[in-house]
Each structure stands twice: as structure tokens, then as C-alpha cells.
Amino acid sequence: MSVHPLTRPELSADSAPLSSPDSVPESAPRSSTDSGPDPIAEARVELAAAHRLAVLHELEEGIDNHFTMTVPGKDDQYLILPFGLHWSEARASDMLVFDESGRTLAGSGVVELSARCIHAPIHRITGARVVLHTHQTWATALNMLADNRLVPASQTAAFFHGIVAYDDHYAGTADTLEEGERLAGLLKGQPILFMKNHGVLVTGATMAQAYRWLYRLERVCRNQILALSTGRPLAVLSDEVVRRVQTPGADDRHSRAERERLFFEAMMRVADRELPGYRD
């Protein structure tokens, strides 16, 4: 198939597709038959929103790093923002579809090499629907330390105890599928990977789940580094306290899945106000 080079019109006050901060966006894209939400269209919107939110939350590096989602109904095809677009420009209609061989199956552009080599094998091996990889500031700073272990020294940090895997052997940029397979093997059922001297990778069953982890992880890493900077010892929570934190209360009326959904819906409303246009 012929793949056309990535093109994008200049964004200006006259041409940028902006929506009014007072307008209420549609809750979900509709299918051509109007029989209900189109899962692929919804995935595109969520992926575009996540890119713009990463800009607002200072988790991005311009055009580098990658967020991917499995195409609903196609376990071997993946949605990604074309390389070369700034994350603040991301729109649902921009997302291209690629496979593990690197072929572009829909959209314009070519998947960037490290995105293909890291993300495709992780999707395939772990079954994760969402894979988010960044070099975000505080998580990367923690991964620059000889001892990069995240410790449960706060309530929020306690939620991450036992779900973080570690790659302690950075050997250069990822340019082979074997490297992605190696990283997938390190996860061993855990959704988060700390990458020594590199960054962080978060997987999830939904964008809401994965992005909430990514967002909270950055703040936990920041808190740990700030606490360590005092030179005083951390007060690490006991295993029993961690267990209680991680166990939902008997009267809790909001499941973890609902909390994730509500979080991401709220963040999408923020993006609608601050960086509108991602739904286009």
C-alpha cells in the first residue's frame, strides 16, 4: 500500500479548529448507523485527549515518546499519533494505524522505529490495550538514581506497591522488536515498568486506567525525590498499612474502574477548556 508523507496545515487563530470553552462536546462519537458509540472513534478521541493532557501535565517531550492503543476488534493493529506532530496538536482524525511489521494500515505517516519496537511487542505479549511510554521529569529523575526503587512512604505511593517492575539494564535506544519483547518479559503481569536511565512505561486495559496511573506516578516520584532531597530518612509504611490502603473499604461506593473513568472524563473536560480541538 502507498503511504503518503505526513502533512499538516498550519494552525492559526483563523484555521485552528477551536471549540468554545462554554460549549459541551458530544459525550461519544457515533457510528455511521447511529446505533451507539463507535469504539474505534472513541479510542481515537481518548488517545488524542491523552496526548494533549500530557502537555498540560508536563509529561511529554514535544514530538518524542509514544502513546498507543490497540484498535478495538483488531488485536494486532495499533493506533498512534504520527511522528512529527507536537502532542498539543493531537486530533482524533490524525491517528494512524500500524502493525508490528511497521506497515501503515490507515492514515498518513510512518510509525517511528522505537514506537514500533517497544509498543507492538508489549501489546502482543501482555495483552495490554494501552501502552504509554514517557521520559517525564520526576519519574526519569528517580530512574537516574542507583537506587531507583519506588517506596510506599505516602498514601498514594502505597497504591503502587507491588505493581512496578524494573529494568536495570539500559543498553541504548530501542531499535529491534527483541528489545520490546525483553521489556514485555520484565513486566511479568505488573502494569508499570521503571526503566533505569531511560524513563517509565505504563500499560492498562483502558486509557482511563493507564493515564491515571501515569499521572499519579509522576507525583509520587516527585514527592519521593523532594523528600530524599532533605537528607532525612523516609518513613516507609508497613506492609500491613499498605495492604489496608490497597483494600477497598466495605462501604466504598466507587469501584476502581469507576474512579478511573471519572478521573479521565474530568481530565477530558479540562482538555476541552485548555486545549480544545482534539476531538476533531
Protein backbone atom coordinates (compact mmCIF):
# COMPACT_ATOMS: atom_id res chain seq x y z
CA MET A 1 0.00 0.00 0.00
CA SER A 2 1.19 3.53 -0.72
CA VAL A 3 1.82 5.70 2.33
CA HIS A 4 1.74 9.43 1.83
CA PRO A 5 4.11 11.65 3.78
CA LEU A 6 2.69 13.33 6.85
CA THR A 7 1.21 16.73 6.12
CA ARG A 8 -0.50 19.13 8.46
CA PRO A 9 -1.93 22.59 7.75
CA GLU A 10 -0.53 25.43 9.79
CA LEU A 11 -2.56 26.12 12.90
CA SER A 12 -3.53 29.73 13.37
CA ALA A 13 -6.20 31.77 15.06
CA ASP A 14 -8.15 31.64 11.81
CA SER A 15 -7.65 28.00 10.88
CA ALA A 16 -7.31 26.07 14.16
CA PRO A 17 -10.41 24.02 14.95
CA LEU A 18 -11.32 25.55 18.29
CA SER A 19 -14.47 24.99 20.30
CA SER A 20 -15.93 27.46 22.74
CA PRO A 21 -14.98 26.86 26.39
CA ASP A 22 -18.70 27.18 27.13
CA SER A 23 -19.74 24.55 24.61
CA VAL A 24 -20.49 21.00 25.68
CA PRO A 25 -18.79 18.37 23.47
CA GLU A 26 -20.57 15.22 22.42
CA SER A 27 -20.21 12.51 25.03
CA ALA A 28 -19.10 9.94 22.45
CA PRO A 29 -18.66 9.68 18.67
CA ARG A 30 -21.47 7.88 16.90
CA SER A 31 -21.16 5.14 14.34
CA SER A 32 -22.37 5.56 10.79
CA THR A 33 -25.53 3.67 11.69
CA ASP A 34 -26.08 5.79 14.83
CA SER A 35 -26.65 2.56 16.75
CA GLY A 36 -24.35 3.58 19.59
CA PRO A 37 -20.81 4.79 20.24
CA ASP A 38 -18.21 3.71 17.69
CA PRO A 39 -15.42 2.07 19.76
CA ILE A 40 -12.70 2.94 17.24
CA ALA A 41 -13.78 6.57 17.12
CA GLU A 42 -13.88 6.64 20.92
CA ALA A 43 -10.37 5.18 21.10
CA ARG A 44 -9.10 7.86 18.72
CA VAL A 45 -10.63 10.62 20.85
CA GLU A 46 -9.22 9.19 24.08
CA LEU A 47 -5.77 8.81 22.57
CA ALA A 48 -5.79 12.39 21.28
CA ALA A 49 -7.00 13.64 24.66
CA ALA A 50 -4.22 11.77 26.48
CA HIS A 51 -1.57 13.44 24.31
CA ARG A 52 -2.93 16.91 25.00
CA LEU A 53 -3.30 16.18 28.70
CA ALA A 54 0.33 15.04 28.81
CA VAL A 55 1.28 18.51 27.58
CA LEU A 56 -0.81 20.18 30.29
CA HIS A 57 0.72 17.87 32.90
CA GLU A 58 4.29 18.26 31.58
CA LEU A 59 4.74 14.57 30.83
CA GLU A 60 5.81 14.94 27.17
CA GLU A 61 8.93 15.72 25.12
CA GLY A 62 7.44 17.56 22.18
CA ILE A 63 7.13 15.05 19.34
CA ASP A 64 9.01 12.23 21.07
CA ASN A 65 7.85 9.35 23.31
CA HIS A 66 4.71 7.45 22.41
CA PHE A 67 1.17 6.53 23.47
CA THR A 68 -0.53 3.61 21.70
CA MET A 69 -3.88 1.83 21.85
CA THR A 70 -4.99 -1.43 20.32
CA VAL A 71 -7.56 -0.88 17.57
CA PRO A 72 -10.85 -2.20 19.01
CA GLY A 73 -11.59 -5.54 17.39
CA LYS A 74 -8.07 -5.81 15.91
CA ASP A 75 -5.60 -7.19 18.44
CA ASP A 76 -2.66 -6.92 16.04
CA GLN A 77 -3.25 -3.32 14.95
CA TYR A 78 -2.39 -0.20 16.92
CA LEU A 79 -3.33 3.47 16.96
CA ILE A 80 -0.59 6.08 17.33
CA LEU A 81 -0.02 9.80 16.73
CA PRO A 82 2.06 10.23 13.55
CA PHE A 83 5.66 11.12 14.34
CA GLY A 84 6.35 14.81 13.76
CA LEU A 85 3.17 16.24 15.28
CA HIS A 86 3.53 18.03 18.59
CA TRP A 87 1.44 16.38 21.28
CA SER A 88 -0.53 19.62 21.76
CA GLU A 89 -1.71 19.27 18.13
CA ALA A 90 -3.08 15.74 18.50
CA ARG A 91 -6.51 15.16 16.98
CA ALA A 92 -8.61 12.02 16.77
CA SER A 93 -8.51 12.14 12.97
CA ASP A 94 -4.68 12.26 12.96
CA MET A 95 -4.18 8.83 14.48
CA LEU A 96 -2.66 6.31 12.11
CA VAL A 97 -2.97 2.54 12.37
CA PHE A 98 0.14 0.34 12.16
CA ASP A 99 1.08 -3.28 12.71
CA GLU A 100 4.15 -4.96 14.16
CA SER A 101 5.86 -5.09 10.77
CA GLY A 102 5.73 -1.29 10.67
CA ARG A 103 3.18 -1.06 7.87
CA THR A 104 0.78 1.89 7.95
CA LEU A 105 -2.69 0.40 7.53
CA ALA A 106 -4.70 3.60 7.83
CA GLY A 107 -3.84 7.28 7.99
CA SER A 108 -0.74 9.18 6.89
CA GLY A 109 2.85 8.86 8.05
CA VAL A 110 5.13 6.07 9.18
CA VAL A 111 5.41 4.73 12.72
CA GLU A 112 8.64 5.80 14.44
CA LEU A 113 11.11 2.94 14.95
CA SER A 114 11.26 2.88 18.75
CA ALA A 115 7.47 3.09 18.97
CA ARG A 116 7.14 0.02 16.78
CA CYS A 117 9.90 -1.90 18.58
CA ILE A 118 8.71 -1.14 22.13
CA HIS A 119 4.95 -0.90 21.85
CA ALA A 120 3.92 -3.60 19.37
CA PRO A 121 5.61 -6.49 21.24
CA ILE A 122 4.30 -5.26 24.59
CA HIS A 123 0.74 -5.12 23.27
CA ARG A 124 1.12 -8.58 21.72
CA ILE A 125 2.77 -10.33 24.67
CA THR A 126 0.99 -8.71 27.63
CA GLY A 127 -2.42 -8.20 26.03
CA ALA A 128 -2.46 -4.59 27.23
CA ARG A 129 -4.90 -2.41 25.29
CA VAL A 130 -2.96 0.75 26.17
CA VAL A 131 0.80 1.35 26.37
CA LEU A 132 2.17 4.73 27.49
CA HIS A 133 5.92 5.43 27.40
CA THR A 134 7.41 8.74 28.51
CA HIS A 135 10.58 10.36 29.77
CA GLN A 136 8.57 12.50 32.20
CA THR A 137 10.72 14.60 34.52
CA TRP A 138 10.28 13.21 38.04
CA ALA A 139 9.91 9.55 37.10
CA THR A 140 13.01 9.77 34.90
CA ALA A 141 14.92 11.60 37.65
CA LEU A 142 14.17 8.75 40.06
CA ASN A 143 15.30 6.27 37.41
CA MET A 144 18.65 8.08 37.18
CA LEU A 145 19.49 7.09 40.74
CA ALA A 146 21.49 3.97 41.58
CA ASP A 147 18.60 3.00 43.88
CA ASN A 148 15.54 3.79 41.78
CA ARG A 149 13.00 1.79 43.78
CA LEU A 150 9.67 3.46 44.44
CA VAL A 151 8.88 3.13 48.15
CA PRO A 152 5.47 3.26 49.89
CA ALA A 153 6.17 6.31 52.02
CA SER A 154 2.83 8.03 51.35
CA GLN A 155 -0.78 7.00 50.87
CA THR A 156 -0.65 7.49 47.09
CA ALA A 157 2.69 5.68 46.82
CA ALA A 158 1.17 2.73 48.68
CA PHE A 159 -1.19 2.12 45.76
CA PHE A 160 1.86 1.46 43.53
CA HIS A 161 3.46 -1.04 45.89
CA GLY A 162 3.76 -4.43 44.19
CA ILE A 163 2.73 -3.28 40.69
CA VAL A 164 6.02 -1.82 39.46
CA ALA A 165 8.61 -3.91 37.57
CA TYR A 166 12.18 -2.75 37.00
CA ASP A 167 14.55 -2.76 34.02
CA ASP A 168 18.01 -2.22 35.47
CA HIS A 169 19.97 -2.73 32.25
CA TYR A 170 19.67 0.17 29.82
CA ALA A 171 21.79 -0.55 26.75
CA GLY A 172 20.76 2.15 24.26
CA THR A 173 17.82 3.12 22.11
CA ALA A 174 15.20 0.53 21.23
CA ASP A 175 15.61 -0.39 17.56
CA THR A 176 14.66 -4.08 17.44
CA LEU A 177 11.49 -5.99 18.22
CA GLU A 178 13.58 -8.20 20.51
CA GLU A 179 14.05 -5.22 22.82
CA GLY A 180 10.29 -4.78 23.13
CA GLU A 181 9.95 -8.50 23.81
CA ARG A 182 12.60 -8.22 26.54
CA LEU A 183 10.73 -5.34 28.18
CA ALA A 184 7.44 -7.23 27.98
CA GLY A 185 9.09 -10.17 29.72
CA LEU A 186 10.16 -7.95 32.60
CA LEU A 187 6.61 -6.83 33.34
CA LYS A 188 5.52 -10.32 34.49
CA GLY A 189 1.91 -9.29 34.98
CA GLN A 190 2.71 -5.90 36.51
CA PRO A 191 1.36 -2.83 34.68
CA ILE A 192 4.26 -0.42 35.24
CA LEU A 193 7.91 -0.63 34.23
CA PHE A 194 10.65 1.59 35.64
CA MET A 195 13.39 1.89 33.01
CA LYS A 196 16.76 2.71 34.58
CA ASN A 197 18.50 5.67 32.86
CA HIS A 198 15.55 5.94 30.48
CA GLY A 199 12.00 6.65 31.67
CA VAL A 200 8.80 4.85 32.53
CA LEU A 201 6.25 2.66 30.77
CA VAL A 202 2.64 2.15 31.87
CA THR A 203 0.18 -0.38 30.48
CA GLY A 204 -3.54 -0.67 31.03
CA ALA A 205 -6.81 -2.21 29.99
CA THR A 206 -8.26 1.24 29.27
CA MET A 207 -6.88 4.70 28.63
CA ALA A 208 -8.58 5.90 31.80
CA GLN A 209 -6.73 3.30 33.87
CA ALA A 210 -3.33 3.80 32.24
CA TYR A 211 -3.38 7.59 32.19
CA ARG A 212 -4.49 7.82 35.82
CA TRP A 213 -1.55 5.61 36.79
CA LEU A 214 0.84 7.72 34.70
CA TYR A 215 -0.44 10.99 36.16
CA ARG A 216 -0.30 9.82 39.77
CA LEU A 217 3.05 8.10 39.26
CA GLU A 218 4.72 11.37 38.31
CA ARG A 219 3.51 13.00 41.51
CA VAL A 220 4.61 10.07 43.66
CA CYS A 221 8.08 10.19 42.10
CA ARG A 222 8.24 13.94 42.68
CA ASN A 223 7.27 13.51 46.33
CA GLN A 224 9.91 10.82 46.86
CA ILE A 225 12.69 12.90 45.29
CA LEU A 226 11.68 16.01 47.25
CA ALA A 227 11.62 14.01 50.48
CA LEU A 228 15.02 12.45 49.71
CA SER A 229 16.45 15.91 48.98
CA THR A 230 16.09 16.79 52.67
CA GLY A 231 18.74 14.21 53.50
CA ARG A 232 16.50 12.76 56.19
CA PRO A 233 15.25 9.14 56.21
CA LEU A 234 11.91 8.23 54.65
CA ALA A 235 9.16 6.91 56.91
CA VAL A 236 8.13 3.85 54.91
CA LEU A 237 4.67 2.39 55.55
CA SER A 238 4.45 -1.12 56.93
CA ASP A 239 3.18 -3.99 54.78
CA GLU A 240 0.02 -4.13 56.89
CA VAL A 241 -0.76 -0.46 56.33
CA VAL A 242 -0.06 -0.83 52.59
CA ARG A 243 -2.45 -3.78 52.48
CA ARG A 244 -5.18 -1.72 54.16
CA VAL A 245 -4.64 1.17 51.75
CA GLN A 246 -4.91 -1.16 48.76
CA THR A 247 -8.04 -2.91 50.03
CA PRO A 248 -11.30 -1.11 49.09
CA GLY A 249 -13.45 -0.19 52.07
CA ALA A 250 -16.62 -2.18 52.67
CA ASP A 251 -18.76 0.95 52.24
CA ASP A 252 -16.88 2.34 49.23
CA ARG A 253 -19.48 3.12 46.58
CA HIS A 254 -16.96 3.85 43.82
CA SER A 255 -15.11 0.91 42.27
CA ARG A 256 -11.56 1.33 40.99
CA ALA A 257 -12.85 1.18 37.41
CA GLU A 258 -15.40 3.91 38.12
CA ARG A 259 -12.77 6.09 39.77
CA GLU A 260 -10.58 5.69 36.70
CA ARG A 261 -13.45 6.55 34.37
CA LEU A 262 -14.50 9.60 36.39
CA PHE A 263 -10.88 10.80 36.57
CA PHE A 264 -10.33 10.60 32.82
CA GLU A 265 -13.69 12.13 31.97
CA ALA A 266 -12.85 15.06 34.26
CA MET A 267 -9.43 15.42 32.65
CA MET A 268 -11.01 15.40 29.18
CA ARG A 269 -13.21 18.31 30.29
CA VAL A 270 -10.04 20.14 31.31
CA ALA A 271 -8.59 19.46 27.86
CA ASP A 272 -11.81 20.74 26.26
CA ARG A 273 -11.26 24.03 28.08
CA GLU A 274 -7.50 24.38 27.85
CA LEU A 275 -6.54 22.64 24.57
CA PRO A 276 -9.76 22.22 22.57
CA GLY A 277 -9.83 20.55 19.16
CA TYR A 278 -8.57 17.08 19.99
CA ARG A 279 -11.97 15.53 19.24
CA ASP A 280 -11.76 16.60 15.57
